[in-house]
Amino acid sequence: IEACMDFPILQKCFSKRILNRFEKQLNQYLNMSEVTE
């Protein structure tokens, strides 16, 4: 998330707890070997 251009906007809008949740969801997605139905 920090690597994204709009991260400063997200930082202003969401708590650290929510940003951590987003990061966890992104990591899960990015680490999937195959996106299932």
ModelCIF file with pLDDT and N, C-alpha, C, O atoms, coordinates in Angstrom:
data_MODEL
#
_entry.id   MODEL 
#
_entity.id                         1 
_entity.type                       polymer 
_entity.pdbx_number_of_molecules   1 
#
_entity_poly.entity_id                      1 
_entity_poly.type                           'polypeptide(L)' 
_entity_poly.nstd_linkage                   no 
_entity_poly.nstd_monomer                   no 
_entity_poly.pdbx_seq_one_letter_code       IEACMDFPILQKCFSKRILNRFEKQLNQYLNMSEVTE 
_entity_poly.pdbx_seq_one_letter_code_can   IEACMDFPILQKCFSKRILNRFEKQLNQYLNMSEVTE 
_entity_poly.pdbx_strand_id                 A 
#
loop_
_entity_poly_seq.entity_id 
_entity_poly_seq.num 
_entity_poly_seq.mon_id 
_entity_poly_seq.hetero 
1 1  ILE n 
1 2  GLU n 
1 3  ALA n 
1 4  CYS n 
1 5  MET n 
1 6  ASP n 
1 7  PHE n 
1 8  PRO n 
1 9  ILE n 
1 10 LEU n 
1 11 GLN n 
1 12 LYS n 
1 13 CYS n 
1 14 PHE n 
1 15 SER n 
1 16 LYS n 
1 17 ARG n 
1 18 ILE n 
1 19 LEU n 
1 20 ASN n 
1 21 ARG n 
1 22 PHE n 
1 23 GLU n 
1 24 LYS n 
1 25 GLN n 
1 26 LEU n 
1 27 ASN n 
1 28 GLN n 
1 29 TYR n 
1 30 LEU n 
1 31 ASN n 
1 32 MET n 
1 33 SER n 
1 34 GLU n 
1 35 VAL n 
1 36 THR n 
1 37 GLU n 
#
_struct_asym.id          A 
_struct_asym.entity_id   1 
#
loop_
_ma_qa_metric.id 
_ma_qa_metric.mode 
_ma_qa_metric.name 
_ma_qa_metric.software_group_id 
_ma_qa_metric.type 
1 global pLDDT . pLDDT 
2 local  pLDDT . pLDDT 
#
_ma_qa_metric_global.metric_id      1 
_ma_qa_metric_global.metric_value   93.11 
_ma_qa_metric_global.model_id       1 
_ma_qa_metric_global.ordinal_id     1 
#
loop_
_ma_qa_metric_local.label_asym_id 
_ma_qa_metric_local.label_comp_id 
_ma_qa_metric_local.label_seq_id 
_ma_qa_metric_local.metric_id 
_ma_qa_metric_local.metric_value 
_ma_qa_metric_local.model_id 
_ma_qa_metric_local.ordinal_id 
A ILE 1  2 90.00 1 1  
A GLU 2  2 91.00 1 2  
A ALA 3  2 90.00 1 3  
A CYS 4  2 91.00 1 4  
A MET 5  2 93.00 1 5  
A ASP 6  2 94.00 1 6  
A PHE 7  2 93.00 1 7  
A PRO 8  2 94.00 1 8  
A ILE 9  2 95.00 1 9  
A LEU 10 2 94.00 1 10 
A GLN 11 2 93.00 1 11 
A LYS 12 2 93.00 1 12 
A CYS 13 2 92.00 1 13 
A PHE 14 2 93.00 1 14 
A SER 15 2 92.00 1 15 
A LYS 16 2 93.00 1 16 
A ARG 17 2 94.00 1 17 
A ILE 18 2 94.00 1 18 
A LEU 19 2 94.00 1 19 
A ASN 20 2 94.00 1 20 
A ARG 21 2 94.00 1 21 
A PHE 22 2 95.00 1 22 
A GLU 23 2 94.00 1 23 
A LYS 24 2 94.00 1 24 
A GLN 25 2 95.00 1 25 
A LEU 26 2 94.00 1 26 
A ASN 27 2 94.00 1 27 
A GLN 28 2 94.00 1 28 
A TYR 29 2 94.00 1 29 
A LEU 30 2 94.00 1 30 
A ASN 31 2 94.00 1 31 
A MET 32 2 94.00 1 32 
A SER 33 2 94.00 1 33 
A GLU 34 2 93.00 1 34 
A VAL 35 2 90.00 1 35 
A THR 36 2 90.00 1 36 
A GLU 37 2 91.00 1 37 
#
loop_
_atom_site.group_PDB 
_atom_site.id 
_atom_site.type_symbol 
_atom_site.label_atom_id 
_atom_site.label_alt_id 
_atom_site.label_comp_id 
_atom_site.label_asym_id 
_atom_site.label_entity_id 
_atom_site.label_seq_id 
_atom_site.pdbx_PDB_ins_code 
_atom_site.Cartn_x 
_atom_site.Cartn_y 
_atom_site.Cartn_z 
_atom_site.occupancy 
_atom_site.B_iso_or_equiv 
_atom_site.pdbx_formal_charge 
_atom_site.auth_seq_id 
_atom_site.auth_comp_id 
_atom_site.auth_asym_id 
_atom_site.auth_atom_id 
_atom_site.pdbx_PDB_model_num 
ATOM 1   N N  . ILE A 1 1  ? 0.834   -1.201  0.000   1.00 90.00 ? 1  ILE A N  1 
ATOM 2   C CA . ILE A 1 1  ? 0.000   0.000   0.000   1.00 90.00 ? 1  ILE A CA 1 
ATOM 3   C C  . ILE A 1 1  ? 0.873   1.256   0.000   1.00 90.00 ? 1  ILE A C  1 
ATOM 4   O O  . ILE A 1 1  ? 0.575   2.221   -0.704  1.00 90.00 ? 1  ILE A O  1 
ATOM 5   N N  . GLU A 1 2  ? 1.937   1.244   0.781   1.00 91.00 ? 2  GLU A N  1 
ATOM 6   C CA . GLU A 1 2  ? 2.814   2.419   0.841   1.00 91.00 ? 2  GLU A CA 1 
ATOM 7   C C  . GLU A 1 2  ? 3.437   2.745   -0.509  1.00 91.00 ? 2  GLU A C  1 
ATOM 8   O O  . GLU A 1 2  ? 3.760   3.902   -0.777  1.00 91.00 ? 2  GLU A O  1 
ATOM 9   N N  . ALA A 1 3  ? 3.605   1.760   -1.343  1.00 90.00 ? 3  ALA A N  1 
ATOM 10  C CA . ALA A 1 3  ? 4.199   1.966   -2.663  1.00 90.00 ? 3  ALA A CA 1 
ATOM 11  C C  . ALA A 1 3  ? 3.228   2.640   -3.635  1.00 90.00 ? 3  ALA A C  1 
ATOM 12  O O  . ALA A 1 3  ? 3.640   3.110   -4.695  1.00 90.00 ? 3  ALA A O  1 
ATOM 13  N N  . CYS A 1 4  ? 1.966   2.687   -3.284  1.00 91.00 ? 4  CYS A N  1 
ATOM 14  C CA . CYS A 1 4  ? 0.957   3.274   -4.165  1.00 91.00 ? 4  CYS A CA 1 
ATOM 15  C C  . CYS A 1 4  ? 0.992   4.798   -4.095  1.00 91.00 ? 4  CYS A C  1 
ATOM 16  O O  . CYS A 1 4  ? 1.225   5.384   -3.038  1.00 91.00 ? 4  CYS A O  1 
ATOM 17  N N  . MET A 1 5  ? 0.760   5.412   -5.226  1.00 93.00 ? 5  MET A N  1 
ATOM 18  C CA . MET A 1 5  ? 0.812   6.868   -5.340  1.00 93.00 ? 5  MET A CA 1 
ATOM 19  C C  . MET A 1 5  ? -0.172  7.559   -4.390  1.00 93.00 ? 5  MET A C  1 
ATOM 20  O O  . MET A 1 5  ? 0.145   8.619   -3.850  1.00 93.00 ? 5  MET A O  1 
ATOM 21  N N  . ASP A 1 6  ? -1.336  6.991   -4.179  1.00 94.00 ? 6  ASP A N  1 
ATOM 22  C CA . ASP A 1 6  ? -2.361  7.622   -3.349  1.00 94.00 ? 6  ASP A CA 1 
ATOM 23  C C  . ASP A 1 6  ? -2.317  7.192   -1.884  1.00 94.00 ? 6  ASP A C  1 
ATOM 24  O O  . ASP A 1 6  ? -3.272  7.425   -1.144  1.00 94.00 ? 6  ASP A O  1 
ATOM 25  N N  . PHE A 1 7  ? -1.224  6.570   -1.463  1.00 93.00 ? 7  PHE A N  1 
ATOM 26  C CA . PHE A 1 7  ? -1.126  6.148   -0.069  1.00 93.00 ? 7  PHE A CA 1 
ATOM 27  C C  . PHE A 1 7  ? -1.336  7.301   0.915   1.00 93.00 ? 7  PHE A C  1 
ATOM 28  O O  . PHE A 1 7  ? -2.016  7.106   1.922   1.00 93.00 ? 7  PHE A O  1 
ATOM 29  N N  . PRO A 1 8  ? -0.780  8.501   0.667   1.00 94.00 ? 8  PRO A N  1 
ATOM 30  C CA . PRO A 1 8  ? -1.023  9.604   1.616   1.00 94.00 ? 8  PRO A CA 1 
ATOM 31  C C  . PRO A 1 8  ? -2.515  9.911   1.794   1.00 94.00 ? 8  PRO A C  1 
ATOM 32  O O  . PRO A 1 8  ? -2.944  10.284  2.886   1.00 94.00 ? 8  PRO A O  1 
ATOM 33  N N  . ILE A 1 9  ? -3.284  9.761   0.754   1.00 95.00 ? 9  ILE A N  1 
ATOM 34  C CA . ILE A 1 9  ? -4.737  9.983   0.860   1.00 95.00 ? 9  ILE A CA 1 
ATOM 35  C C  . ILE A 1 9  ? -5.357  8.908   1.737   1.00 95.00 ? 9  ILE A C  1 
ATOM 36  O O  . ILE A 1 9  ? -6.177  9.208   2.604   1.00 95.00 ? 9  ILE A O  1 
ATOM 37  N N  . LEU A 1 10 ? -4.968  7.656   1.517   1.00 94.00 ? 10 LEU A N  1 
ATOM 38  C CA . LEU A 1 10 ? -5.501  6.562   2.341   1.00 94.00 ? 10 LEU A CA 1 
ATOM 39  C C  . LEU A 1 10 ? -5.104  6.748   3.797   1.00 94.00 ? 10 LEU A C  1 
ATOM 40  O O  . LEU A 1 10 ? -5.894  6.467   4.699   1.00 94.00 ? 10 LEU A O  1 
ATOM 41  N N  . GLN A 1 11 ? -3.892  7.216   4.029   1.00 93.00 ? 11 GLN A N  1 
ATOM 42  C CA . GLN A 1 11 ? -3.416  7.448   5.389   1.00 93.00 ? 11 GLN A CA 1 
ATOM 43  C C  . GLN A 1 11 ? -4.266  8.482   6.112   1.00 93.00 ? 11 GLN A C  1 
ATOM 44  O O  . GLN A 1 11 ? -4.498  8.371   7.316   1.00 93.00 ? 11 GLN A O  1 
ATOM 45  N N  . LYS A 1 12 ? -4.728  9.481   5.383   1.00 93.00 ? 12 LYS A N  1 
ATOM 46  C CA . LYS A 1 12 ? -5.575  10.513  5.980   1.00 93.00 ? 12 LYS A CA 1 
ATOM 47  C C  . LYS A 1 12 ? -6.988  10.006  6.254   1.00 93.00 ? 12 LYS A C  1 
ATOM 48  O O  . LYS A 1 12 ? -7.684  10.526  7.126   1.00 93.00 ? 12 LYS A O  1 
ATOM 49  N N  . CYS A 1 13 ? -7.404  8.994   5.508   1.00 92.00 ? 13 CYS A N  1 
ATOM 50  C CA . CYS A 1 13 ? -8.793  8.532   5.587   1.00 92.00 ? 13 CYS A CA 1 
ATOM 51  C C  . CYS A 1 13 ? -9.004  7.321   6.480   1.00 92.00 ? 13 CYS A C  1 
ATOM 52  O O  . CYS A 1 13 ? -10.100 7.118   7.001   1.00 92.00 ? 13 CYS A O  1 
ATOM 53  N N  . PHE A 1 14 ? -7.972  6.521   6.660   1.00 93.00 ? 14 PHE A N  1 
ATOM 54  C CA . PHE A 1 14 ? -8.149  5.259   7.386   1.00 93.00 ? 14 PHE A CA 1 
ATOM 55  C C  . PHE A 1 14 ? -7.143  5.117   8.516   1.00 93.00 ? 14 PHE A C  1 
ATOM 56  O O  . PHE A 1 14 ? -6.019  5.611   8.439   1.00 93.00 ? 14 PHE A O  1 
ATOM 57  N N  . SER A 1 15 ? -7.571  4.437   9.557   1.00 92.00 ? 15 SER A N  1 
ATOM 58  C CA . SER A 1 15 ? -6.702  4.183   10.701  1.00 92.00 ? 15 SER A CA 1 
ATOM 59  C C  . SER A 1 15 ? -5.619  3.169   10.324  1.00 92.00 ? 15 SER A C  1 
ATOM 60  O O  . SER A 1 15 ? -5.711  2.487   9.304   1.00 92.00 ? 15 SER A O  1 
ATOM 61  N N  . LYS A 1 16 ? -4.615  3.093   11.157  1.00 93.00 ? 16 LYS A N  1 
ATOM 62  C CA . LYS A 1 16 ? -3.531  2.115   10.967  1.00 93.00 ? 16 LYS A CA 1 
ATOM 63  C C  . LYS A 1 16 ? -4.096  0.692   10.976  1.00 93.00 ? 16 LYS A C  1 
ATOM 64  O O  . LYS A 1 16 ? -3.636  -0.169  10.226  1.00 93.00 ? 16 LYS A O  1 
ATOM 65  N N  . ARG A 1 17 ? -5.079  0.458   11.817  1.00 94.00 ? 17 ARG A N  1 
ATOM 66  C CA . ARG A 1 17 ? -5.702  -0.873  11.902  1.00 94.00 ? 17 ARG A CA 1 
ATOM 67  C C  . ARG A 1 17 ? -6.337  -1.260  10.565  1.00 94.00 ? 17 ARG A C  1 
ATOM 68  O O  . ARG A 1 17 ? -6.180  -2.391  10.105  1.00 94.00 ? 17 ARG A O  1 
ATOM 69  N N  . ILE A 1 18 ? -7.040  -0.340  9.957   1.00 94.00 ? 18 ILE A N  1 
ATOM 70  C CA . ILE A 1 18 ? -7.689  -0.613  8.672   1.00 94.00 ? 18 ILE A CA 1 
ATOM 71  C C  . ILE A 1 18 ? -6.644  -0.751  7.573   1.00 94.00 ? 18 ILE A C  1 
ATOM 72  O O  . ILE A 1 18 ? -6.766  -1.625  6.715   1.00 94.00 ? 18 ILE A O  1 
ATOM 73  N N  . LEU A 1 19 ? -5.622  0.095   7.585   1.00 94.00 ? 19 LEU A N  1 
ATOM 74  C CA . LEU A 1 19 ? -4.549  -0.020  6.593   1.00 94.00 ? 19 LEU A CA 1 
ATOM 75  C C  . LEU A 1 19 ? -3.851  -1.370  6.705   1.00 94.00 ? 19 LEU A C  1 
ATOM 76  O O  . LEU A 1 19 ? -3.494  -1.967  5.689   1.00 94.00 ? 19 LEU A O  1 
ATOM 77  N N  . ASN A 1 20 ? -3.654  -1.855  7.919   1.00 94.00 ? 20 ASN A N  1 
ATOM 78  C CA . ASN A 1 20 ? -3.073  -3.190  8.110   1.00 94.00 ? 20 ASN A CA 1 
ATOM 79  C C  . ASN A 1 20 ? -3.973  -4.267  7.523   1.00 94.00 ? 20 ASN A C  1 
ATOM 80  O O  . ASN A 1 20 ? -3.495  -5.224  6.913   1.00 94.00 ? 20 ASN A O  1 
ATOM 81  N N  . ARG A 1 21 ? -5.276  -4.107  7.709   1.00 94.00 ? 21 ARG A N  1 
ATOM 82  C CA . ARG A 1 21 ? -6.218  -5.067  7.137   1.00 94.00 ? 21 ARG A CA 1 
ATOM 83  C C  . ARG A 1 21 ? -6.140  -5.056  5.610   1.00 94.00 ? 21 ARG A C  1 
ATOM 84  O O  . ARG A 1 21 ? -6.137  -6.110  4.974   1.00 94.00 ? 21 ARG A O  1 
ATOM 85  N N  . PHE A 1 22 ? -6.079  -3.860  5.032   1.00 95.00 ? 22 PHE A N  1 
ATOM 86  C CA . PHE A 1 22 ? -5.938  -3.752  3.577   1.00 95.00 ? 22 PHE A CA 1 
ATOM 87  C C  . PHE A 1 22 ? -4.657  -4.436  3.102   1.00 95.00 ? 22 PHE A C  1 
ATOM 88  O O  . PHE A 1 22 ? -4.664  -5.160  2.107   1.00 95.00 ? 22 PHE A O  1 
ATOM 89  N N  . GLU A 1 23 ? -3.566  -4.203  3.815   1.00 94.00 ? 23 GLU A N  1 
ATOM 90  C CA . GLU A 1 23 ? -2.285  -4.810  3.440   1.00 94.00 ? 23 GLU A CA 1 
ATOM 91  C C  . GLU A 1 23 ? -2.370  -6.334  3.495   1.00 94.00 ? 23 GLU A C  1 
ATOM 92  O O  . GLU A 1 23 ? -1.851  -7.020  2.615   1.00 94.00 ? 23 GLU A O  1 
ATOM 93  N N  . LYS A 1 24 ? -3.014  -6.852  4.515   1.00 94.00 ? 24 LYS A N  1 
ATOM 94  C CA . LYS A 1 24 ? -3.180  -8.305  4.640   1.00 94.00 ? 24 LYS A CA 1 
ATOM 95  C C  . LYS A 1 24 ? -3.990  -8.855  3.464   1.00 94.00 ? 24 LYS A C  1 
ATOM 96  O O  . LYS A 1 24 ? -3.639  -9.889  2.896   1.00 94.00 ? 24 LYS A O  1 
ATOM 97  N N  . GLN A 1 25 ? -5.067  -8.167  3.100   1.00 95.00 ? 25 GLN A N  1 
ATOM 98  C CA . GLN A 1 25 ? -5.891  -8.599  1.974   1.00 95.00 ? 25 GLN A CA 1 
ATOM 99  C C  . GLN A 1 25 ? -5.111  -8.538  0.662   1.00 95.00 ? 25 GLN A C  1 
ATOM 100 O O  . GLN A 1 25 ? -5.219  -9.438  -0.171  1.00 95.00 ? 25 GLN A O  1 
ATOM 101 N N  . LEU A 1 26 ? -4.332  -7.485  0.482   1.00 94.00 ? 26 LEU A N  1 
ATOM 102 C CA . LEU A 1 26 ? -3.518  -7.369  -0.728  1.00 94.00 ? 26 LEU A CA 1 
ATOM 103 C C  . LEU A 1 26 ? -2.465  -8.464  -0.800  1.00 94.00 ? 26 LEU A C  1 
ATOM 104 O O  . LEU A 1 26 ? -2.267  -9.070  -1.853  1.00 94.00 ? 26 LEU A O  1 
ATOM 105 N N  . ASN A 1 27 ? -1.794  -8.715  0.306   1.00 94.00 ? 27 ASN A N  1 
ATOM 106 C CA . ASN A 1 27 ? -0.785  -9.773  0.325   1.00 94.00 ? 27 ASN A CA 1 
ATOM 107 C C  . ASN A 1 27 ? -1.383  -11.127 0.013   1.00 94.00 ? 27 ASN A C  1 
ATOM 108 O O  . ASN A 1 27 ? -0.792  -11.927 -0.712  1.00 94.00 ? 27 ASN A O  1 
ATOM 109 N N  . GLN A 1 28 ? -2.558  -11.382 0.563   1.00 94.00 ? 28 GLN A N  1 
ATOM 110 C CA . GLN A 1 28 ? -3.231  -12.652 0.275   1.00 94.00 ? 28 GLN A CA 1 
ATOM 111 C C  . GLN A 1 28 ? -3.488  -12.766 -1.232  1.00 94.00 ? 28 GLN A C  1 
ATOM 112 O O  . GLN A 1 28 ? -3.224  -13.806 -1.836  1.00 94.00 ? 28 GLN A O  1 
ATOM 113 N N  . TYR A 1 29 ? -3.994  -11.708 -1.821  1.00 94.00 ? 29 TYR A N  1 
ATOM 114 C CA . TYR A 1 29 ? -4.271  -11.693 -3.256  1.00 94.00 ? 29 TYR A CA 1 
ATOM 115 C C  . TYR A 1 29 ? -2.993  -11.858 -4.081  1.00 94.00 ? 29 TYR A C  1 
ATOM 116 O O  . TYR A 1 29 ? -2.944  -12.670 -5.004  1.00 94.00 ? 29 TYR A O  1 
ATOM 117 N N  . LEU A 1 30 ? -1.977  -11.095 -3.748  1.00 94.00 ? 30 LEU A N  1 
ATOM 118 C CA . LEU A 1 30 ? -0.733  -11.122 -4.520  1.00 94.00 ? 30 LEU A CA 1 
ATOM 119 C C  . LEU A 1 30 ? 0.019   -12.438 -4.386  1.00 94.00 ? 30 LEU A C  1 
ATOM 120 O O  . LEU A 1 30 ? 0.782   -12.816 -5.275  1.00 94.00 ? 30 LEU A O  1 
ATOM 121 N N  . ASN A 1 31 ? -0.193  -13.129 -3.285  1.00 94.00 ? 31 ASN A N  1 
ATOM 122 C CA . ASN A 1 31 ? 0.494   -14.403 -3.071  1.00 94.00 ? 31 ASN A CA 1 
ATOM 123 C C  . ASN A 1 31 ? -0.288  -15.617 -3.567  1.00 94.00 ? 31 ASN A C  1 
ATOM 124 O O  . ASN A 1 31 ? 0.176   -16.750 -3.442  1.00 94.00 ? 31 ASN A O  1 
ATOM 125 N N  . MET A 1 32 ? -1.462  -15.383 -4.125  1.00 94.00 ? 32 MET A N  1 
ATOM 126 C CA . MET A 1 32 ? -2.252  -16.492 -4.648  1.00 94.00 ? 32 MET A CA 1 
ATOM 127 C C  . MET A 1 32 ? -1.585  -17.021 -5.918  1.00 94.00 ? 32 MET A C  1 
ATOM 128 O O  . MET A 1 32 ? -1.192  -16.248 -6.791  1.00 94.00 ? 32 MET A O  1 
ATOM 129 N N  . SER A 1 33 ? -1.465  -18.322 -6.007  1.00 94.00 ? 33 SER A N  1 
ATOM 130 C CA . SER A 1 33 ? -0.896  -18.905 -7.219  1.00 94.00 ? 33 SER A CA 1 
ATOM 131 C C  . SER A 1 33 ? -1.925  -18.889 -8.350  1.00 94.00 ? 33 SER A C  1 
ATOM 132 O O  . SER A 1 33 ? -1.575  -18.846 -9.529  1.00 94.00 ? 33 SER A O  1 
ATOM 133 N N  . GLU A 1 34 ? -3.189  -18.924 -7.965  1.00 93.00 ? 34 GLU A N  1 
ATOM 134 C CA . GLU A 1 34 ? -4.274  -18.895 -8.942  1.00 93.00 ? 34 GLU A CA 1 
ATOM 135 C C  . GLU A 1 34 ? -5.490  -18.223 -8.313  1.00 93.00 ? 34 GLU A C  1 
ATOM 136 O O  . GLU A 1 34 ? -5.868  -18.539 -7.185  1.00 93.00 ? 34 GLU A O  1 
ATOM 137 N N  . VAL A 1 35 ? -6.092  -17.304 -9.042  1.00 90.00 ? 35 VAL A N  1 
ATOM 138 C CA . VAL A 1 35 ? -7.302  -16.646 -8.561  1.00 90.00 ? 35 VAL A CA 1 
ATOM 139 C C  . VAL A 1 35 ? -8.482  -17.563 -8.886  1.00 90.00 ? 35 VAL A C  1 
ATOM 140 O O  . VAL A 1 35 ? -8.768  -17.838 -10.052 1.00 90.00 ? 35 VAL A O  1 
ATOM 141 N N  . THR A 1 36 ? -9.151  -18.024 -7.849  1.00 90.00 ? 36 THR A N  1 
ATOM 142 C CA . THR A 1 36 ? -10.227 -18.988 -8.027  1.00 90.00 ? 36 THR A CA 1 
ATOM 143 C C  . THR A 1 36 ? -11.570 -18.293 -8.266  1.00 90.00 ? 36 THR A C  1 
ATOM 144 O O  . THR A 1 36 ? -11.729 -17.102 -8.002  1.00 90.00 ? 36 THR A O  1 
ATOM 145 N N  . GLU A 1 37 ? -12.503 -19.052 -8.761  1.00 91.00 ? 37 GLU A N  1 
ATOM 146 C CA . GLU A 1 37 ? -13.856 -18.546 -8.978  1.00 91.00 ? 37 GLU A CA 1 
ATOM 147 C C  . GLU A 1 37 ? -14.486 -18.125 -7.653  1.00 91.00 ? 37 GLU A C  1 
ATOM 148 O O  . GLU A 1 37 ? -15.629 -17.670 -7.630  1.00 91.00 ? 37 GLU A O  1 
#
